[in-house]
Amino acid sequence: MKKYYEAYDDRYRTIHGKGYPWFGSDRTPIVEETAMKYGIGKSTPVLETGCGEGRDAAYMLDRGYDLTATDVSAEAVSYCKKKYPEYENRFRTLDCVNGEDGGRYGYIYSVAVIHMLVPDEDRAKFYRFIKEHLTDNGIALICSMGDGVTEKATDINEAFEIREREHASGAVKVAATSFRMVSLPVFEKEIKAGGLVIKESGIVDGTSDYFSLMYAVAAKQPDQRLQG
């Protein structure tokens, strides 16, 4: 049985079956900006969680980053493999809430994934995944839709219900999916509770698909047993 946060797989299948992508092609500038600011080299292992239709992944791969792009949606991964055949082996499915990855990465970025997770326990698992898969000196960029103040959430039991949504191709009937928006203080509190240290945080302009994004750059909490 699919988890509520896998409803986007249904949405992708519906819209791709009509011959359209769900999202626009605008990349998320803060992804590369953060890599450059924190000295992420082209040989540093990079992981994207929630690559969707691959717009940020393709951009980073084109610039030579050693990126593995993942998504919980098999349809999204299949779409990316077909759209970017030169990077076919860089895309794979991964559940960053209830799954595991054997790698460790110097840079993990996640755009618009955490706001799809609604229950506190799932959000905590997401942050735990980030911490466990960072190298000791690695950094993570976590972006969530939000204005820093508004808080609201959908009912996860309605995630797969078919709803009419506006799309560039016109009105379409697709899976409702899930969504939770938290304030910036709550966002920061969650990240810290996950054993991560926030290096910077704030709000940046979104893309054509997201009006604004809260973001945080985080690192692993130092092991206090090794201090002093």
C-alpha atoms as a PDB file:
ATOM      1  CA  MET A   1       0.000   0.000   0.000  1.00  0.00           C
ATOM      2  CA  LYS A   2       1.337   3.407  -0.968  1.00  0.00           C
ATOM      3  CA  LYS A   3       2.144   6.009   1.665  1.00  0.00           C
ATOM      4  CA  TYR A   4       0.225   9.285   1.432  1.00  0.00           C
ATOM      5  CA  TYR A   5       3.370  11.135   0.292  1.00  0.00           C
ATOM      6  CA  GLU A   6       3.556   8.870  -2.759  1.00  0.00           C
ATOM      7  CA  ALA A   7       0.422  10.426  -4.238  1.00  0.00           C
ATOM      8  CA  TYR A   8       2.579  12.552  -6.523  1.00  0.00           C
ATOM      9  CA  ASP A   9       3.397   9.343  -8.394  1.00  0.00           C
ATOM     10  CA  ASP A  10      -0.273   9.173  -9.402  1.00  0.00           C
ATOM     11  CA  ARG A  11      -0.275  12.857 -10.319  1.00  0.00           C
ATOM     12  CA  TYR A  12       2.814  12.448 -12.494  1.00  0.00           C
ATOM     13  CA  ARG A  13       1.357   9.417 -14.243  1.00  0.00           C
ATOM     14  CA  THR A  14      -1.807  11.321 -15.065  1.00  0.00           C
ATOM     15  CA  ILE A  15      -0.149  14.417 -16.492  1.00  0.00           C
ATOM     16  CA  HIS A  16       2.666  12.557 -18.253  1.00  0.00           C
ATOM     17  CA  GLY A  17       0.034  10.351 -19.864  1.00  0.00           C
ATOM     18  CA  LYS A  18      -1.368  13.511 -21.421  1.00  0.00           C
ATOM     19  CA  GLY A  19       2.042  14.419 -22.790  1.00  0.00           C
ATOM     20  CA  TYR A  20       2.890  17.239 -20.358  1.00  0.00           C
ATOM     21  CA  PRO A  21       5.257  17.775 -17.429  1.00  0.00           C
ATOM     22  CA  TRP A  22       3.632  18.825 -14.165  1.00  0.00           C
ATOM     23  CA  PHE A  23       6.186  21.480 -13.256  1.00  0.00           C
ATOM     24  CA  GLY A  24       7.811  24.289 -15.182  1.00  0.00           C
ATOM     25  CA  SER A  25      11.450  24.325 -16.230  1.00  0.00           C
ATOM     26  CA  ASP A  26      12.690  27.070 -13.869  1.00  0.00           C
ATOM     27  CA  ARG A  27      15.587  25.797 -11.781  1.00  0.00           C
ATOM     28  CA  THR A  28      16.016  26.690  -8.109  1.00  0.00           C
ATOM     29  CA  PRO A  29      19.000  29.103  -8.037  1.00  0.00           C
ATOM     30  CA  ILE A  30      19.794  28.599  -4.358  1.00  0.00           C
ATOM     31  CA  VAL A  31      20.864  25.001  -5.062  1.00  0.00           C
ATOM     32  CA  GLU A  32      23.974  25.985  -7.011  1.00  0.00           C
ATOM     33  CA  GLU A  33      24.482  29.195  -5.026  1.00  0.00           C
ATOM     34  CA  THR A  34      24.758  27.152  -1.821  1.00  0.00           C
ATOM     35  CA  ALA A  35      27.153  24.688  -3.433  1.00  0.00           C
ATOM     36  CA  MET A  36      29.416  27.528  -4.514  1.00  0.00           C
ATOM     37  CA  LYS A  37      29.180  29.429  -1.228  1.00  0.00           C
ATOM     38  CA  TYR A  38      30.186  26.400   0.842  1.00  0.00           C
ATOM     39  CA  GLY A  39      32.884  25.164  -1.505  1.00  0.00           C
ATOM     40  CA  ILE A  40      31.217  22.029  -2.808  1.00  0.00           C
ATOM     41  CA  GLY A  41      33.669  20.698  -5.383  1.00  0.00           C
ATOM     42  CA  LYS A  42      32.703  18.909  -8.556  1.00  0.00           C
ATOM     43  CA  SER A  43      34.110  15.649  -7.134  1.00  0.00           C
ATOM     44  CA  THR A  44      32.078  15.906  -3.910  1.00  0.00           C
ATOM     45  CA  PRO A  45      29.290  13.289  -3.767  1.00  0.00           C
ATOM     46  CA  VAL A  46      25.956  15.121  -3.974  1.00  0.00           C
ATOM     47  CA  LEU A  47      22.474  13.737  -3.312  1.00  0.00           C
ATOM     48  CA  GLU A  48      19.171  15.271  -4.335  1.00  0.00           C
ATOM     49  CA  THR A  49      16.102  13.976  -2.548  1.00  0.00           C
ATOM     50  CA  GLY A  50      12.867  14.611  -4.427  1.00  0.00           C
ATOM     51  CA  CYS A  51      14.242  15.364  -7.887  1.00  0.00           C
ATOM     52  CA  GLY A  52      10.758  15.375  -9.451  1.00  0.00           C
ATOM     53  CA  GLU A  53      11.039  15.933 -13.182  1.00  0.00           C
ATOM     54  CA  GLY A  54      14.736  16.694 -12.959  1.00  0.00           C
ATOM     55  CA  ARG A  55      15.066  20.419 -13.585  1.00  0.00           C
ATOM     56  CA  ASP A  56      17.616  21.062 -10.795  1.00  0.00           C
ATOM     57  CA  ALA A  57      19.340  17.716 -11.281  1.00  0.00           C
ATOM     58  CA  ALA A  58      19.925  18.280 -15.000  1.00  0.00           C
ATOM     59  CA  TYR A  59      21.334  21.744 -14.327  1.00  0.00           C
ATOM     60  CA  MET A  60      23.765  20.458 -11.694  1.00  0.00           C
ATOM     61  CA  LEU A  61      24.789  17.480 -13.820  1.00  0.00           C
ATOM     62  CA  ASP A  62      25.409  19.731 -16.816  1.00  0.00           C
ATOM     63  CA  ARG A  63      27.838  21.680 -14.636  1.00  0.00           C
ATOM     64  CA  GLY A  64      29.777  18.582 -13.713  1.00  0.00           C
ATOM     65  CA  TYR A  65      28.604  17.877 -10.175  1.00  0.00           C
ATOM     66  CA  ASP A  66      28.847  14.270  -8.964  1.00  0.00           C
ATOM     67  CA  LEU A  67      25.107  14.064  -8.370  1.00  0.00           C
ATOM     68  CA  THR A  68      22.765  11.207  -7.577  1.00  0.00           C
ATOM     69  CA  ALA A  69      19.163  12.364  -8.100  1.00  0.00           C
ATOM     70  CA  THR A  70      16.378  10.460  -6.349  1.00  0.00           C
ATOM     71  CA  ASP A  71      12.632  10.514  -5.924  1.00  0.00           C
ATOM     72  CA  VAL A  72      10.081   8.303  -4.224  1.00  0.00           C
ATOM     73  CA  SER A  73       8.055   8.334  -7.463  1.00  0.00           C
ATOM     74  CA  ALA A  74       9.029   5.633  -9.955  1.00  0.00           C
ATOM     75  CA  GLU A  75       7.165   7.611 -12.618  1.00  0.00           C
ATOM     76  CA  ALA A  76       9.262  10.719 -11.937  1.00  0.00           C
ATOM     77  CA  VAL A  77      12.488   8.728 -12.155  1.00  0.00           C
ATOM     78  CA  SER A  78      11.365   7.048 -15.389  1.00  0.00           C
ATOM     79  CA  TYR A  79      10.484  10.450 -16.829  1.00  0.00           C
ATOM     80  CA  CYS A  80      13.931  11.828 -15.961  1.00  0.00           C
ATOM     81  CA  LYS A  81      15.730   8.853 -17.463  1.00  0.00           C
ATOM     82  CA  LYS A  82      13.876   9.368 -20.738  1.00  0.00           C
ATOM     83  CA  LYS A  83      14.254  13.160 -20.784  1.00  0.00           C
ATOM     84  CA  TYR A  84      17.946  13.100 -19.867  1.00  0.00           C
ATOM     85  CA  PRO A  85      19.285   9.849 -21.373  1.00  0.00           C
ATOM     86  CA  GLU A  86      22.886  11.043 -21.040  1.00  0.00           C
ATOM     87  CA  TYR A  87      22.370  10.956 -17.261  1.00  0.00           C
ATOM     88  CA  GLU A  88      20.180   7.865 -17.097  1.00  0.00           C
ATOM     89  CA  ASN A  89      22.337   6.146 -14.477  1.00  0.00           C
ATOM     90  CA  ARG A  90      22.177   9.212 -12.211  1.00  0.00           C
ATOM     91  CA  PHE A  91      18.471   8.865 -11.429  1.00  0.00           C
ATOM     92  CA  ARG A  92      16.927   6.283  -9.104  1.00  0.00           C
ATOM     93  CA  THR A  93      14.019   5.756  -6.757  1.00  0.00           C
ATOM     94  CA  LEU A  94      14.486   6.344  -3.033  1.00  0.00           C
ATOM     95  CA  ASP A  95      12.114   6.851  -0.108  1.00  0.00           C
ATOM     96  CA  CYS A  96      13.913   9.357   2.123  1.00  0.00           C
ATOM     97  CA  VAL A  97      11.339   8.892   4.898  1.00  0.00           C
ATOM     98  CA  ASN A  98      11.182   5.134   5.285  1.00  0.00           C
ATOM     99  CA  GLY A  99      14.063   4.062   3.073  1.00  0.00           C
ATOM    100  CA  GLU A 100      17.829   3.789   3.357  1.00  0.00           C
ATOM    101  CA  ASP A 101      20.770   4.677   1.147  1.00  0.00           C
ATOM    102  CA  GLY A 102      24.235   3.227   1.562  1.00  0.00           C
ATOM    103  CA  GLY A 103      26.074   6.382   0.556  1.00  0.00           C
ATOM    104  CA  ARG A 104      27.379   9.408   2.436  1.00  0.00           C
ATOM    105  CA  TYR A 105      27.310  12.788   0.775  1.00  0.00           C
ATOM    106  CA  GLY A 106      29.121  16.081   1.160  1.00  0.00           C
ATOM    107  CA  TYR A 107      26.098  17.983  -0.107  1.00  0.00           C
ATOM    108  CA  ILE A 108      22.451  16.949   0.156  1.00  0.00           C
ATOM    109  CA  TYR A 109      19.776  19.234  -1.178  1.00  0.00           C
ATOM    110  CA  SER A 110      16.027  18.880  -1.032  1.00  0.00           C
ATOM    111  CA  VAL A 111      13.613  21.286  -2.688  1.00  0.00           C
ATOM    112  CA  ALA A 112       9.890  21.056  -1.891  1.00  0.00           C
ATOM    113  CA  VAL A 113       9.964  17.650  -0.200  1.00  0.00           C
ATOM    114  CA  ILE A 114       9.554  18.436   3.496  1.00  0.00           C
ATOM    115  CA  HIS A 115       6.336  20.387   2.845  1.00  0.00           C
ATOM    116  CA  MET A 116       4.770  17.203   1.442  1.00  0.00           C
ATOM    117  CA  LEU A 117       5.288  15.454   4.785  1.00  0.00           C
ATOM    118  CA  VAL A 118       2.501  16.094   7.269  1.00  0.00           C
ATOM    119  CA  PRO A 119       2.792  14.061  10.524  1.00  0.00           C
ATOM    120  CA  ASP A 120       5.569  15.109  12.891  1.00  0.00           C
ATOM    121  CA  GLU A 121       7.025  11.593  12.912  1.00  0.00           C
ATOM    122  CA  ASP A 122       7.495  11.567   9.130  1.00  0.00           C
ATOM    123  CA  ARG A 123       9.110  14.978   9.184  1.00  0.00           C
ATOM    124  CA  ALA A 124      11.454  13.776  11.939  1.00  0.00           C
ATOM    125  CA  LYS A 125      12.385  10.730   9.831  1.00  0.00           C
ATOM    126  CA  PHE A 126      13.223  13.021   6.927  1.00  0.00           C
ATOM    127  CA  TYR A 127      15.631  15.093   9.019  1.00  0.00           C
ATOM    128  CA  ARG A 128      17.127  11.918  10.464  1.00  0.00           C
ATOM    129  CA  PHE A 129      17.752  10.644   6.937  1.00  0.00           C
ATOM    130  CA  ILE A 130      19.550  13.874   6.070  1.00  0.00           C
ATOM    131  CA  LYS A 131      21.767  13.683   9.149  1.00  0.00           C
ATOM    132  CA  GLU A 132      22.607  10.007   8.702  1.00  0.00           C
ATOM    133  CA  HIS A 133      23.613  10.454   5.063  1.00  0.00           C
ATOM    134  CA  LEU A 134      25.806  13.525   5.425  1.00  0.00           C
ATOM    135  CA  THR A 135      29.559  13.216   5.720  1.00  0.00           C
ATOM    136  CA  ASP A 136      31.000  14.692   8.917  1.00  0.00           C
ATOM    137  CA  ASN A 137      31.830  17.948   7.141  1.00  0.00           C
ATOM    138  CA  GLY A 138      28.885  17.877   4.755  1.00  0.00           C
ATOM    139  CA  ILE A 139      26.078  20.382   4.421  1.00  0.00           C
ATOM    140  CA  ALA A 140      22.406  20.095   3.572  1.00  0.00           C
ATOM    141  CA  LEU A 141      20.114  22.586   1.881  1.00  0.00           C
ATOM    142  CA  ILE A 142      16.480  22.087   2.851  1.00  0.00           C
ATOM    143  CA  CYS A 143      13.807  24.159   1.093  1.00  0.00           C
ATOM    144  CA  SER A 144      10.112  24.217   1.962  1.00  0.00           C
ATOM    145  CA  MET A 145       7.271  26.218   0.471  1.00  0.00           C
ATOM    146  CA  GLY A 146       6.267  28.951   2.897  1.00  0.00           C
ATOM    147  CA  ASP A 147       6.298  32.634   3.765  1.00  0.00           C
ATOM    148  CA  GLY A 148       7.803  32.122   7.216  1.00  0.00           C
ATOM    149  CA  VAL A 149       4.549  32.844   9.060  1.00  0.00           C
ATOM    150  CA  THR A 150       1.638  30.816   7.681  1.00  0.00           C
ATOM    151  CA  GLU A 151       0.890  27.357   9.087  1.00  0.00           C
ATOM    152  CA  LYS A 152      -1.573  24.924   7.539  1.00  0.00           C
ATOM    153  CA  ALA A 153      -1.861  21.270   6.568  1.00  0.00           C
ATOM    154  CA  THR A 154      -3.945  18.943   4.435  1.00  0.00           C
ATOM    155  CA  ASP A 155      -5.603  15.693   5.540  1.00  0.00           C
ATOM    156  CA  ILE A 156      -3.313  12.828   4.532  1.00  0.00           C
ATOM    157  CA  ASN A 157      -6.351  10.570   4.130  1.00  0.00           C
ATOM    158  CA  GLU A 158      -7.358  12.681   1.140  1.00  0.00           C
ATOM    159  CA  ALA A 159      -3.979  12.535  -0.626  1.00  0.00           C
ATOM    160  CA  PHE A 160      -5.102  10.221  -3.425  1.00  0.00           C
ATOM    161  CA  GLU A 161      -8.506  11.778  -3.986  1.00  0.00           C
ATOM    162  CA  ILE A 162      -8.981  13.136  -7.483  1.00  0.00           C
ATOM    163  CA  ARG A 163      -9.282  16.913  -7.572  1.00  0.00           C
ATOM    164  CA  GLU A 164      -9.385  19.478 -10.333  1.00  0.00           C
ATOM    165  CA  ARG A 165      -6.202  21.552 -10.503  1.00  0.00           C
ATOM    166  CA  GLU A 166      -5.076  24.369 -12.750  1.00  0.00           C
ATOM    167  CA  HIS A 167      -2.195  23.492 -15.046  1.00  0.00           C
ATOM    168  CA  ALA A 168      -0.382  25.174 -17.920  1.00  0.00           C
ATOM    169  CA  SER A 169      -2.312  22.878 -20.256  1.00  0.00           C
ATOM    170  CA  GLY A 170      -5.638  23.796 -18.648  1.00  0.00           C
ATOM    171  CA  ALA A 171      -7.774  22.371 -15.834  1.00  0.00           C
ATOM    172  CA  VAL A 172      -6.903  18.730 -15.087  1.00  0.00           C
ATOM    173  CA  LYS A 173      -8.113  16.127 -12.639  1.00  0.00           C
ATOM    174  CA  VAL A 174      -5.227  14.693 -10.629  1.00  0.00           C
ATOM    175  CA  ALA A 175      -4.389  13.267  -7.198  1.00  0.00           C
ATOM    176  CA  ALA A 176      -4.731  15.851  -4.432  1.00  0.00           C
ATOM    177  CA  THR A 177      -1.334  14.884  -2.836  1.00  0.00           C
ATOM    178  CA  SER A 178      -0.318  16.299   0.579  1.00  0.00           C
ATOM    179  CA  PHE A 179       0.976  19.547   2.001  1.00  0.00           C
ATOM    180  CA  ARG A 180       2.066  21.082   5.291  1.00  0.00           C
ATOM    181  CA  MET A 181       3.312  24.630   5.688  1.00  0.00           C
ATOM    182  CA  VAL A 182       5.028  25.643   8.930  1.00  0.00           C
ATOM    183  CA  SER A 183       6.451  28.943  10.134  1.00  0.00           C
ATOM    184  CA  LEU A 184      10.166  29.648   9.934  1.00  0.00           C
ATOM    185  CA  PRO A 185      10.636  29.245  13.723  1.00  0.00           C
ATOM    186  CA  VAL A 186       8.957  25.822  13.612  1.00  0.00           C
ATOM    187  CA  PHE A 187      11.029  24.862  10.565  1.00  0.00           C
ATOM    188  CA  GLU A 188      14.229  25.778  12.394  1.00  0.00           C
ATOM    189  CA  LYS A 189      13.130  23.979  15.561  1.00  0.00           C
ATOM    190  CA  GLU A 190      12.440  20.765  13.614  1.00  0.00           C
ATOM    191  CA  ILE A 191      15.846  20.865  11.963  1.00  0.00           C
ATOM    192  CA  LYS A 192      17.650  21.354  15.271  1.00  0.00           C
ATOM    193  CA  ALA A 193      15.622  18.555  16.876  1.00  0.00           C
ATOM    194  CA  GLY A 194      16.888  16.320  14.074  1.00  0.00           C
ATOM    195  CA  GLY A 195      20.436  16.729  15.333  1.00  0.00           C
ATOM    196  CA  LEU A 196      21.441  19.322  12.745  1.00  0.00           C
ATOM    197  CA  VAL A 197      23.097  22.704  13.237  1.00  0.00           C
ATOM    198  CA  ILE A 198      21.698  25.575  11.172  1.00  0.00           C
ATOM    199  CA  LYS A 199      24.361  27.646   9.454  1.00  0.00           C
ATOM    200  CA  GLU A 200      21.875  30.042   7.868  1.00  0.00           C
ATOM    201  CA  SER A 201      18.175  30.224   7.135  1.00  0.00           C
ATOM    202  CA  GLY A 202      15.616  32.565   5.667  1.00  0.00           C
ATOM    203  CA  ILE A 203      13.202  33.076   2.796  1.00  0.00           C
ATOM    204  CA  VAL A 204      14.006  33.406  -0.887  1.00  0.00           C
ATOM    205  CA  ASP A 205      11.920  34.010  -3.970  1.00  0.00           C
ATOM    206  CA  GLY A 206      10.485  30.838  -5.391  1.00  0.00           C
ATOM    207  CA  THR A 207      10.115  29.742  -8.990  1.00  0.00           C
ATOM    208  CA  SER A 208       7.112  29.818 -11.276  1.00  0.00           C
ATOM    209  CA  ASP A 209       5.817  26.851  -9.253  1.00  0.00           C
ATOM    210  CA  TYR A 210       6.562  28.132  -5.722  1.00  0.00           C
ATOM    211  CA  PHE A 211       5.783  31.708  -4.682  1.00  0.00           C
ATOM    212  CA  SER A 212       8.418  31.686  -1.935  1.00  0.00           C
ATOM    213  CA  LEU A 213      10.676  29.175  -0.237  1.00  0.00           C
ATOM    214  CA  MET A 214      11.922  28.937   3.316  1.00  0.00           C
ATOM    215  CA  TYR A 215      15.412  27.527   3.361  1.00  0.00           C
ATOM    216  CA  ALA A 216      18.009  26.338   5.812  1.00  0.00           C
ATOM    217  CA  VAL A 217      21.606  25.292   5.319  1.00  0.00           C
ATOM    218  CA  ALA A 218      22.483  22.741   7.975  1.00  0.00           C
ATOM    219  CA  ALA A 219      25.298  20.479   9.104  1.00  0.00           C
ATOM    220  CA  LYS A 220      25.610  17.546  11.465  1.00  0.00           C
ATOM    221  CA  GLN A 221      25.594  18.280  15.174  1.00  0.00           C
ATOM    222  CA  PRO A 222      29.124  17.775  16.525  1.00  0.00           C
ATOM    223  CA  ASP A 223      29.502  14.677  18.690  1.00  0.00           C
ATOM    224  CA  GLN A 224      29.767  16.097  22.217  1.00  0.00           C
ATOM    225  CA  ARG A 225      31.613  12.979  23.326  1.00  0.00           C
ATOM    226  CA  LEU A 226      34.539  14.060  21.174  1.00  0.00           C
ATOM    227  CA  GLN A 227      34.598  17.617  22.517  1.00  0.00           C
ATOM    228  CA  GLY A 228      36.969  18.874  25.174  1.00  0.00           C
END
